[in-house]
N, C-alpha and C. Protein backbone atom coordinates (compact mmCIF):
# COMPACT_ATOMS: atom_id res chain seq x y z
N UNK A 1 -36.70 12.08 -67.33
CA UNK A 1 -35.57 11.29 -67.81
C UNK A 1 -34.95 10.52 -66.65
N UNK A 2 -34.87 11.18 -65.50
CA UNK A 2 -34.30 10.53 -64.32
C UNK A 2 -35.15 9.37 -63.87
N UNK A 3 -36.45 9.52 -63.91
CA UNK A 3 -37.35 8.43 -63.51
C UNK A 3 -37.24 7.25 -64.47
N UNK A 4 -37.11 7.53 -65.76
CA UNK A 4 -36.95 6.45 -66.74
C UNK A 4 -35.63 5.73 -66.53
N UNK A 5 -34.62 6.49 -66.18
CA UNK A 5 -33.31 5.88 -65.93
C UNK A 5 -33.36 4.96 -64.72
N UNK A 6 -34.14 5.28 -63.73
CA UNK A 6 -34.26 4.43 -62.54
C UNK A 6 -34.89 3.08 -62.90
N UNK A 7 -35.78 3.07 -63.90
CA UNK A 7 -36.41 1.81 -64.31
C UNK A 7 -35.43 0.87 -64.99
N UNK A 8 -34.32 1.38 -65.48
CA UNK A 8 -33.35 0.53 -66.17
C UNK A 8 -32.62 -0.40 -65.22
N UNK A 9 -32.75 -0.19 -63.93
CA UNK A 9 -32.08 -1.04 -62.95
C UNK A 9 -32.97 -2.16 -62.43
N UNK A 10 -34.18 -2.28 -62.94
CA UNK A 10 -35.06 -3.36 -62.47
C UNK A 10 -34.89 -4.57 -63.39
N UNK A 11 -34.90 -5.74 -62.80
CA UNK A 11 -34.71 -6.97 -63.55
C UNK A 11 -36.04 -7.48 -64.08
N UNK A 12 -35.97 -8.13 -65.23
CA UNK A 12 -37.16 -8.75 -65.81
C UNK A 12 -37.13 -10.24 -65.51
N UNK A 13 -38.31 -10.82 -65.44
CA UNK A 13 -38.42 -12.25 -65.29
C UNK A 13 -38.00 -12.93 -66.59
N UNK A 14 -37.41 -14.10 -66.51
CA UNK A 14 -37.08 -14.85 -67.73
C UNK A 14 -38.33 -15.30 -68.46
N UNK A 15 -39.47 -15.26 -67.79
CA UNK A 15 -40.74 -15.61 -68.43
C UNK A 15 -41.39 -14.41 -69.13
N UNK A 16 -40.78 -13.23 -69.00
CA UNK A 16 -41.34 -12.03 -69.63
C UNK A 16 -41.27 -12.18 -71.15
N UNK A 17 -42.37 -11.82 -71.82
CA UNK A 17 -42.39 -11.90 -73.29
C UNK A 17 -41.57 -10.76 -73.87
N UNK A 18 -40.80 -11.09 -74.91
CA UNK A 18 -39.92 -10.09 -75.49
C UNK A 18 -40.51 -9.40 -76.70
N UNK A 19 -41.24 -10.10 -77.52
CA UNK A 19 -41.77 -9.52 -78.74
C UNK A 19 -43.16 -8.98 -78.57
N UNK A 20 -43.52 -8.05 -79.44
CA UNK A 20 -44.89 -7.55 -79.44
C UNK A 20 -45.72 -8.46 -80.34
N UNK A 21 -46.94 -8.67 -79.98
CA UNK A 21 -47.81 -9.49 -80.82
C UNK A 21 -47.85 -10.93 -80.35
N UNK A 22 -48.09 -11.82 -81.30
CA UNK A 22 -48.29 -13.23 -80.98
C UNK A 22 -47.04 -14.09 -81.20
N UNK A 23 -45.87 -13.49 -81.20
CA UNK A 23 -44.65 -14.28 -81.40
C UNK A 23 -44.51 -15.33 -80.30
N UNK A 24 -44.87 -14.98 -79.10
CA UNK A 24 -44.96 -15.92 -78.01
C UNK A 24 -43.65 -16.50 -77.51
N UNK A 25 -42.56 -15.76 -77.54
CA UNK A 25 -41.34 -16.29 -76.93
C UNK A 25 -40.93 -15.40 -75.78
N UNK A 26 -40.29 -16.02 -74.81
CA UNK A 26 -39.93 -15.30 -73.59
C UNK A 26 -38.45 -14.92 -73.62
N UNK A 27 -38.07 -14.11 -72.68
CA UNK A 27 -36.68 -13.72 -72.54
C UNK A 27 -35.80 -14.95 -72.29
N UNK A 28 -36.32 -15.92 -71.55
CA UNK A 28 -35.60 -17.16 -71.28
C UNK A 28 -35.32 -17.96 -72.55
N UNK A 29 -36.22 -17.84 -73.56
CA UNK A 29 -36.01 -18.55 -74.83
C UNK A 29 -34.82 -18.00 -75.61
N UNK A 30 -34.42 -16.80 -75.31
CA UNK A 30 -33.30 -16.20 -76.04
C UNK A 30 -31.95 -16.48 -75.38
N UNK A 31 -31.98 -17.12 -74.23
CA UNK A 31 -30.74 -17.43 -73.52
C UNK A 31 -30.04 -18.62 -74.18
N UNK A 32 -28.73 -18.62 -74.13
CA UNK A 32 -27.96 -19.73 -74.67
C UNK A 32 -28.00 -20.93 -73.74
N UNK A 33 -27.45 -22.03 -74.20
CA UNK A 33 -27.39 -23.26 -73.41
C UNK A 33 -25.96 -23.47 -72.92
N UNK A 34 -25.81 -24.30 -71.94
CA UNK A 34 -24.48 -24.63 -71.44
C UNK A 34 -23.70 -25.36 -72.53
N UNK A 35 -22.44 -25.02 -72.69
CA UNK A 35 -21.59 -25.62 -73.70
C UNK A 35 -20.96 -26.89 -73.13
N UNK A 36 -21.23 -28.02 -73.74
CA UNK A 36 -20.70 -29.30 -73.25
C UNK A 36 -19.18 -29.38 -73.38
N UNK A 37 -18.59 -28.51 -74.18
CA UNK A 37 -17.13 -28.51 -74.33
C UNK A 37 -16.42 -28.07 -73.06
N UNK A 38 -17.10 -27.39 -72.18
CA UNK A 38 -16.48 -26.97 -70.92
C UNK A 38 -16.05 -28.18 -70.09
N UNK A 39 -16.87 -29.23 -70.11
CA UNK A 39 -16.50 -30.45 -69.37
C UNK A 39 -15.22 -31.05 -69.93
N UNK A 40 -15.07 -31.02 -71.24
CA UNK A 40 -13.86 -31.55 -71.87
C UNK A 40 -12.64 -30.75 -71.44
N UNK A 41 -12.78 -29.45 -71.36
CA UNK A 41 -11.67 -28.59 -70.95
C UNK A 41 -11.27 -28.89 -69.51
N UNK A 42 -12.25 -29.04 -68.64
CA UNK A 42 -11.97 -29.35 -67.24
C UNK A 42 -11.24 -30.70 -67.14
N UNK A 43 -11.72 -31.70 -67.89
CA UNK A 43 -11.09 -33.02 -67.87
C UNK A 43 -9.65 -32.96 -68.37
N UNK A 44 -9.43 -32.22 -69.45
CA UNK A 44 -8.07 -32.11 -70.00
C UNK A 44 -7.12 -31.43 -69.03
N UNK A 45 -7.59 -30.41 -68.37
CA UNK A 45 -6.73 -29.72 -67.40
C UNK A 45 -6.38 -30.63 -66.23
N UNK A 46 -7.34 -31.41 -65.78
CA UNK A 46 -7.06 -32.35 -64.69
C UNK A 46 -6.07 -33.41 -65.14
N UNK A 47 -6.23 -33.91 -66.36
CA UNK A 47 -5.31 -34.92 -66.89
C UNK A 47 -3.92 -34.34 -67.10
N UNK A 48 -3.85 -33.10 -67.56
CA UNK A 48 -2.55 -32.46 -67.82
C UNK A 48 -1.69 -32.43 -66.55
N UNK A 49 -2.30 -32.09 -65.46
CA UNK A 49 -1.57 -32.03 -64.19
C UNK A 49 -1.02 -33.40 -63.82
N UNK A 50 -1.83 -34.42 -64.00
CA UNK A 50 -1.40 -35.78 -63.66
C UNK A 50 -0.37 -36.31 -64.65
N UNK A 51 -0.49 -35.95 -65.91
CA UNK A 51 0.50 -36.38 -66.91
C UNK A 51 1.89 -35.85 -66.57
N UNK A 52 1.94 -34.65 -66.05
CA UNK A 52 3.24 -34.06 -65.68
C UNK A 52 3.91 -34.82 -64.54
N UNK A 53 3.13 -35.53 -63.75
CA UNK A 53 3.68 -36.29 -62.63
C UNK A 53 4.25 -37.64 -63.05
N UNK A 54 3.91 -38.09 -64.24
CA UNK A 54 4.40 -39.38 -64.71
C UNK A 54 5.90 -39.31 -65.01
N UNK A 55 6.60 -40.44 -64.89
CA UNK A 55 8.00 -40.48 -65.32
C UNK A 55 8.11 -40.17 -66.82
N UNK A 56 9.24 -39.66 -67.23
CA UNK A 56 9.47 -39.24 -68.62
C UNK A 56 9.17 -40.37 -69.61
N UNK A 57 9.61 -41.57 -69.30
CA UNK A 57 9.41 -42.69 -70.23
C UNK A 57 7.92 -42.98 -70.43
N UNK A 58 7.14 -42.94 -69.35
CA UNK A 58 5.70 -43.20 -69.48
C UNK A 58 5.02 -42.09 -70.27
N UNK A 59 5.43 -40.85 -70.05
CA UNK A 59 4.88 -39.73 -70.84
C UNK A 59 5.20 -39.92 -72.31
N UNK A 60 6.43 -40.35 -72.60
CA UNK A 60 6.84 -40.56 -73.99
C UNK A 60 6.02 -41.65 -74.65
N UNK A 61 5.78 -42.74 -73.92
CA UNK A 61 4.98 -43.84 -74.46
C UNK A 61 3.56 -43.36 -74.76
N UNK A 62 2.94 -42.63 -73.85
CA UNK A 62 1.59 -42.11 -74.07
C UNK A 62 1.56 -41.13 -75.25
N UNK A 63 2.59 -40.31 -75.36
CA UNK A 63 2.64 -39.35 -76.47
C UNK A 63 2.71 -40.09 -77.81
N UNK A 64 3.61 -41.08 -77.87
CA UNK A 64 3.75 -41.84 -79.12
C UNK A 64 2.45 -42.56 -79.48
N UNK A 65 1.79 -43.10 -78.48
CA UNK A 65 0.57 -43.87 -78.74
C UNK A 65 -0.61 -43.00 -79.13
N UNK A 66 -0.84 -41.93 -78.37
CA UNK A 66 -2.06 -41.16 -78.56
C UNK A 66 -1.90 -39.91 -79.43
N UNK A 67 -0.69 -39.39 -79.58
CA UNK A 67 -0.52 -38.20 -80.39
C UNK A 67 0.19 -38.49 -81.71
N UNK A 68 1.06 -39.50 -81.71
CA UNK A 68 1.71 -39.89 -82.96
C UNK A 68 1.04 -41.10 -83.58
N UNK A 69 0.03 -41.65 -82.90
CA UNK A 69 -0.77 -42.77 -83.39
C UNK A 69 0.09 -43.99 -83.75
N UNK A 70 1.13 -44.22 -82.96
CA UNK A 70 2.01 -45.37 -83.20
C UNK A 70 1.39 -46.61 -82.55
N UNK A 71 1.65 -47.76 -83.15
CA UNK A 71 1.18 -49.02 -82.56
C UNK A 71 2.07 -49.37 -81.37
N UNK A 72 1.57 -50.25 -80.52
CA UNK A 72 2.36 -50.69 -79.38
C UNK A 72 3.62 -51.41 -79.85
N UNK A 73 3.51 -52.17 -80.91
CA UNK A 73 4.68 -52.88 -81.45
C UNK A 73 5.75 -51.90 -81.91
N UNK A 74 5.32 -50.85 -82.61
CA UNK A 74 6.27 -49.84 -83.12
C UNK A 74 6.94 -49.10 -81.96
N UNK A 75 6.17 -48.77 -80.93
CA UNK A 75 6.73 -48.10 -79.75
C UNK A 75 7.76 -49.01 -79.09
N UNK A 76 7.41 -50.30 -78.97
CA UNK A 76 8.33 -51.26 -78.38
C UNK A 76 9.64 -51.34 -79.16
N UNK A 77 9.55 -51.36 -80.48
CA UNK A 77 10.75 -51.39 -81.32
C UNK A 77 11.60 -50.15 -81.08
N UNK A 78 10.95 -49.02 -81.03
CA UNK A 78 11.67 -47.75 -80.86
C UNK A 78 12.38 -47.68 -79.50
N UNK A 79 11.74 -48.22 -78.46
CA UNK A 79 12.31 -48.15 -77.12
C UNK A 79 13.11 -49.39 -76.73
N UNK A 80 13.07 -50.42 -77.57
CA UNK A 80 13.80 -51.63 -77.27
C UNK A 80 13.15 -52.48 -76.19
N UNK A 81 11.82 -52.46 -76.14
CA UNK A 81 11.08 -53.26 -75.17
C UNK A 81 9.98 -54.01 -75.91
N UNK A 82 9.36 -54.97 -75.25
CA UNK A 82 8.33 -55.77 -75.91
C UNK A 82 7.01 -55.00 -76.03
N UNK A 83 6.19 -55.47 -76.96
CA UNK A 83 4.86 -54.89 -77.13
C UNK A 83 4.05 -55.08 -75.85
N UNK A 84 4.21 -56.21 -75.19
CA UNK A 84 3.48 -56.49 -73.95
C UNK A 84 3.87 -55.49 -72.86
N UNK A 85 5.16 -55.17 -72.81
CA UNK A 85 5.62 -54.19 -71.81
C UNK A 85 5.02 -52.81 -72.10
N UNK A 86 4.97 -52.45 -73.38
CA UNK A 86 4.35 -51.18 -73.78
C UNK A 86 2.89 -51.17 -73.36
N UNK A 87 2.19 -52.27 -73.58
CA UNK A 87 0.78 -52.37 -73.20
C UNK A 87 0.61 -52.15 -71.70
N UNK A 88 1.48 -52.77 -70.92
CA UNK A 88 1.40 -52.61 -69.46
C UNK A 88 1.69 -51.16 -69.04
N UNK A 89 2.69 -50.55 -69.69
CA UNK A 89 3.01 -49.15 -69.37
C UNK A 89 1.83 -48.23 -69.67
N UNK A 90 1.19 -48.45 -70.80
CA UNK A 90 0.04 -47.63 -71.18
C UNK A 90 -1.10 -47.81 -70.18
N UNK A 91 -1.40 -49.06 -69.85
CA UNK A 91 -2.49 -49.33 -68.90
C UNK A 91 -2.20 -48.71 -67.54
N UNK A 92 -0.98 -48.91 -67.05
CA UNK A 92 -0.62 -48.38 -65.73
C UNK A 92 -0.64 -46.85 -65.73
N UNK A 93 -0.09 -46.25 -66.78
CA UNK A 93 -0.04 -44.79 -66.86
C UNK A 93 -1.43 -44.18 -66.93
N UNK A 94 -2.28 -44.76 -67.76
CA UNK A 94 -3.65 -44.25 -67.89
C UNK A 94 -4.41 -44.39 -66.57
N UNK A 95 -4.19 -45.49 -65.88
CA UNK A 95 -4.86 -45.69 -64.59
C UNK A 95 -4.39 -44.66 -63.58
N UNK A 96 -3.10 -44.34 -63.57
CA UNK A 96 -2.56 -43.34 -62.63
C UNK A 96 -3.12 -41.95 -62.95
N UNK A 97 -3.16 -41.62 -64.22
CA UNK A 97 -3.70 -40.31 -64.62
C UNK A 97 -5.18 -40.22 -64.26
N UNK A 98 -5.93 -41.26 -64.55
CA UNK A 98 -7.37 -41.28 -64.25
C UNK A 98 -7.61 -41.15 -62.76
N UNK A 99 -6.88 -41.92 -61.96
CA UNK A 99 -7.06 -41.90 -60.51
C UNK A 99 -6.73 -40.51 -59.95
N UNK A 100 -5.64 -39.92 -60.41
CA UNK A 100 -5.26 -38.58 -59.93
C UNK A 100 -6.25 -37.51 -60.36
N UNK A 101 -6.73 -37.60 -61.59
CA UNK A 101 -7.68 -36.61 -62.09
C UNK A 101 -9.01 -36.68 -61.36
N UNK A 102 -9.45 -37.90 -61.07
CA UNK A 102 -10.73 -38.06 -60.37
C UNK A 102 -10.64 -37.64 -58.90
N UNK A 103 -9.43 -37.67 -58.35
CA UNK A 103 -9.24 -37.29 -56.94
C UNK A 103 -9.29 -35.78 -56.75
N UNK A 104 -9.18 -35.03 -57.82
CA UNK A 104 -9.15 -33.56 -57.70
C UNK A 104 -10.52 -32.99 -57.45
């Protein structure tokens, strides 16, 4: 029993066949794949840090645009500024967040 227990600590190759017979699949075939959602999580965390650095007004504009799905004209009306100014705020804020996130 002790000798069999010692064999439990040896690693198998990922090319080792797992099934008996002609099933023909290896241990490596049973492994999962990398989840592409991890990249999204990393990107969101980087953006979150940079969003916190923005002035309150710019954060509010981005929130209204991307989370409340408001048009630039509607945001401008709500804040008492022009649609063009809202457009510039969004462009500038997104560029700052992107630049900061990529620098990390």
